[in-house]
Amino acid sequence: MEDARFVKFTDDDGSEKYYGTYTAYNGKTFGVQLIETTDFLNFEIHTLHGSAIQDKGMALFPRKINGKYFMSSRQGGENLQIMSSDDLFIWNEI
């Protein structure tokens, strides 16, 4: 687990939880994952998917905007982009 970025996320219904995006690295390859918790004692881990999940350095915005999730991301190792998605776990739009 490298470079975790946690955010307190407020959902449309007002409920709050914490999400952390991070790089999962096994010594050879990396993947981008999302860790979810409400209490920092119990966690759920999810792998992020989609054509926009290409690099490291992703950070989820703290709430939806117009019904979509948004995240900043590093693309191509040096370009900062804003991504959006209807689904928290699938990212295809840059």
C-alpha atoms as a PDB file:
ATOM      1  CA  MET A   1       0.000   0.000   0.000  1.00  0.00           C
ATOM      2  CA  GLU A   2       1.591   3.233  -1.199  1.00  0.00           C
ATOM      3  CA  ASP A   3       0.593   6.871  -1.349  1.00  0.00           C
ATOM      4  CA  ALA A   4      -2.834   6.646   0.328  1.00  0.00           C
ATOM      5  CA  ARG A   5      -5.081   9.678  -0.003  1.00  0.00           C
ATOM      6  CA  PHE A   6      -8.052   9.648   2.394  1.00  0.00           C
ATOM      7  CA  VAL A   7     -11.103  11.880   2.138  1.00  0.00           C
ATOM      8  CA  LYS A   8     -14.190  12.219   4.315  1.00  0.00           C
ATOM      9  CA  PHE A   9     -16.952  11.630   1.744  1.00  0.00           C
ATOM     10  CA  THR A  10     -20.505  12.923   2.156  1.00  0.00           C
ATOM     11  CA  ASP A  11     -23.069  10.990   0.116  1.00  0.00           C
ATOM     12  CA  ASP A  12     -26.257  12.420  -1.384  1.00  0.00           C
ATOM     13  CA  ASP A  13     -28.281  11.265   1.641  1.00  0.00           C
ATOM     14  CA  GLY A  14     -25.924  13.078   4.056  1.00  0.00           C
ATOM     15  CA  SER A  15     -24.209   9.917   5.314  1.00  0.00           C
ATOM     16  CA  GLU A  16     -20.455  10.096   5.746  1.00  0.00           C
ATOM     17  CA  LYS A  17     -17.655   7.602   5.309  1.00  0.00           C
ATOM     18  CA  TYR A  18     -13.979   7.712   4.537  1.00  0.00           C
ATOM     19  CA  TYR A  19     -12.472   6.627   1.236  1.00  0.00           C
ATOM     20  CA  GLY A  20      -8.803   6.276   0.500  1.00  0.00           C
ATOM     21  CA  THR A  21      -7.293   5.812  -2.937  1.00  0.00           C
ATOM     22  CA  TYR A  22      -3.902   4.155  -3.019  1.00  0.00           C
ATOM     23  CA  THR A  23      -1.406   2.299  -5.152  1.00  0.00           C
ATOM     24  CA  ALA A  24      -1.242  -1.443  -4.532  1.00  0.00           C
ATOM     25  CA  TYR A  25       2.235  -2.637  -5.529  1.00  0.00           C
ATOM     26  CA  ASN A  26       3.477  -6.230  -5.362  1.00  0.00           C
ATOM     27  CA  GLY A  27       7.086  -5.542  -6.379  1.00  0.00           C
ATOM     28  CA  LYS A  28       6.417  -6.011 -10.101  1.00  0.00           C
ATOM     29  CA  THR A  29       3.117  -4.396 -11.056  1.00  0.00           C
ATOM     30  CA  PHE A  30       0.763  -1.848  -9.554  1.00  0.00           C
ATOM     31  CA  GLY A  31      -2.980  -1.353  -9.380  1.00  0.00           C
ATOM     32  CA  VAL A  32      -5.176   1.403  -8.033  1.00  0.00           C
ATOM     33  CA  GLN A  33      -7.467   0.500  -5.161  1.00  0.00           C
ATOM     34  CA  LEU A  34     -10.045   2.155  -2.951  1.00  0.00           C
ATOM     35  CA  ILE A  35     -10.303   1.487   0.765  1.00  0.00           C
ATOM     36  CA  GLU A  36     -13.571   2.305   2.547  1.00  0.00           C
ATOM     37  CA  THR A  37     -14.332   2.731   6.255  1.00  0.00           C
ATOM     38  CA  THR A  38     -16.658   4.481   8.663  1.00  0.00           C
ATOM     39  CA  ASP A  39     -14.671   3.815  11.839  1.00  0.00           C
ATOM     40  CA  PHE A  40     -11.011   3.061  10.908  1.00  0.00           C
ATOM     41  CA  LEU A  41     -11.442  -0.347  12.556  1.00  0.00           C
ATOM     42  CA  ASN A  42     -13.226  -2.171   9.725  1.00  0.00           C
ATOM     43  CA  PHE A  43     -12.313  -1.746   6.073  1.00  0.00           C
ATOM     44  CA  GLU A  44     -13.519  -2.818   2.643  1.00  0.00           C
ATOM     45  CA  ILE A  45     -11.056  -2.834  -0.242  1.00  0.00           C
ATOM     46  CA  HIS A  46     -12.102  -2.432  -3.874  1.00  0.00           C
ATOM     47  CA  THR A  47     -10.092  -2.481  -7.104  1.00  0.00           C
ATOM     48  CA  LEU A  48     -10.788   0.425  -9.441  1.00  0.00           C
ATOM     49  CA  HIS A  49     -11.444  -0.391 -13.098  1.00  0.00           C
ATOM     50  CA  GLY A  50     -11.883   1.422 -16.405  1.00  0.00           C
ATOM     51  CA  SER A  51      -9.888   2.966 -19.203  1.00  0.00           C
ATOM     52  CA  ALA A  52      -8.996   6.050 -17.120  1.00  0.00           C
ATOM     53  CA  ILE A  53      -7.285   3.939 -14.417  1.00  0.00           C
ATOM     54  CA  GLN A  54      -3.848   4.057 -16.018  1.00  0.00           C
ATOM     55  CA  ASP A  55      -1.476   5.573 -13.510  1.00  0.00           C
ATOM     56  CA  LYS A  56      -0.956   6.399  -9.857  1.00  0.00           C
ATOM     57  CA  GLY A  57      -1.778   9.482  -7.822  1.00  0.00           C
ATOM     58  CA  MET A  58      -5.581   9.471  -7.700  1.00  0.00           C
ATOM     59  CA  ALA A  59      -7.597  11.451  -5.156  1.00  0.00           C
ATOM     60  CA  LEU A  60     -11.374  11.292  -4.786  1.00  0.00           C
ATOM     61  CA  PHE A  61     -13.351  14.525  -4.325  1.00  0.00           C
ATOM     62  CA  PRO A  62     -15.266  14.715  -1.006  1.00  0.00           C
ATOM     63  CA  ARG A  63     -18.780  14.648  -2.552  1.00  0.00           C
ATOM     64  CA  LYS A  64     -20.599  14.095  -5.840  1.00  0.00           C
ATOM     65  CA  ILE A  65     -21.089  16.964  -8.268  1.00  0.00           C
ATOM     66  CA  ASN A  66     -24.314  16.860 -10.299  1.00  0.00           C
ATOM     67  CA  GLY A  67     -24.743  13.193  -9.361  1.00  0.00           C
ATOM     68  CA  LYS A  68     -21.241  12.097 -10.461  1.00  0.00           C
ATOM     69  CA  TYR A  69     -18.101  11.131  -8.596  1.00  0.00           C
ATOM     70  CA  PHE A  70     -14.964  13.130  -9.430  1.00  0.00           C
ATOM     71  CA  MET A  71     -11.317  12.324  -8.895  1.00  0.00           C
ATOM     72  CA  SER A  72      -8.021  13.985  -9.766  1.00  0.00           C
ATOM     73  CA  SER A  73      -5.507  11.655 -11.364  1.00  0.00           C
ATOM     74  CA  ARG A  74      -2.038  11.574 -12.803  1.00  0.00           C
ATOM     75  CA  GLN A  75      -2.041  10.354 -16.398  1.00  0.00           C
ATOM     76  CA  GLY A  76       1.060   9.405 -18.357  1.00  0.00           C
ATOM     77  CA  GLY A  77       3.274   9.963 -15.328  1.00  0.00           C
ATOM     78  CA  GLU A  78       3.124  13.752 -15.543  1.00  0.00           C
ATOM     79  CA  ASN A  79      -0.310  15.089 -16.544  1.00  0.00           C
ATOM     80  CA  LEU A  80      -2.931  15.976 -13.935  1.00  0.00           C
ATOM     81  CA  GLN A  81      -6.515  15.248 -15.049  1.00  0.00           C
ATOM     82  CA  ILE A  82      -9.994  15.440 -13.566  1.00  0.00           C
ATOM     83  CA  MET A  83     -11.995  12.237 -14.058  1.00  0.00           C
ATOM     84  CA  SER A  84     -15.732  11.707 -13.571  1.00  0.00           C
ATOM     85  CA  SER A  85     -17.875   8.617 -13.176  1.00  0.00           C
ATOM     86  CA  ASP A  86     -21.399   7.501 -12.374  1.00  0.00           C
ATOM     87  CA  ASP A  87     -19.930   4.427 -10.653  1.00  0.00           C
ATOM     88  CA  LEU A  88     -17.409   4.751  -7.823  1.00  0.00           C
ATOM     89  CA  PHE A  89     -15.484   1.678  -8.994  1.00  0.00           C
ATOM     90  CA  ILE A  90     -15.431   2.177 -12.812  1.00  0.00           C
ATOM     91  CA  TRP A  91     -13.635   5.180 -14.303  1.00  0.00           C
ATOM     92  CA  ASN A  92     -13.704   5.763 -18.077  1.00  0.00           C
ATOM     93  CA  GLU A  93     -14.163   9.543 -18.443  1.00  0.00           C
ATOM     94  CA  ILE A  94     -11.269  12.017 -18.397  1.00  0.00           C
END
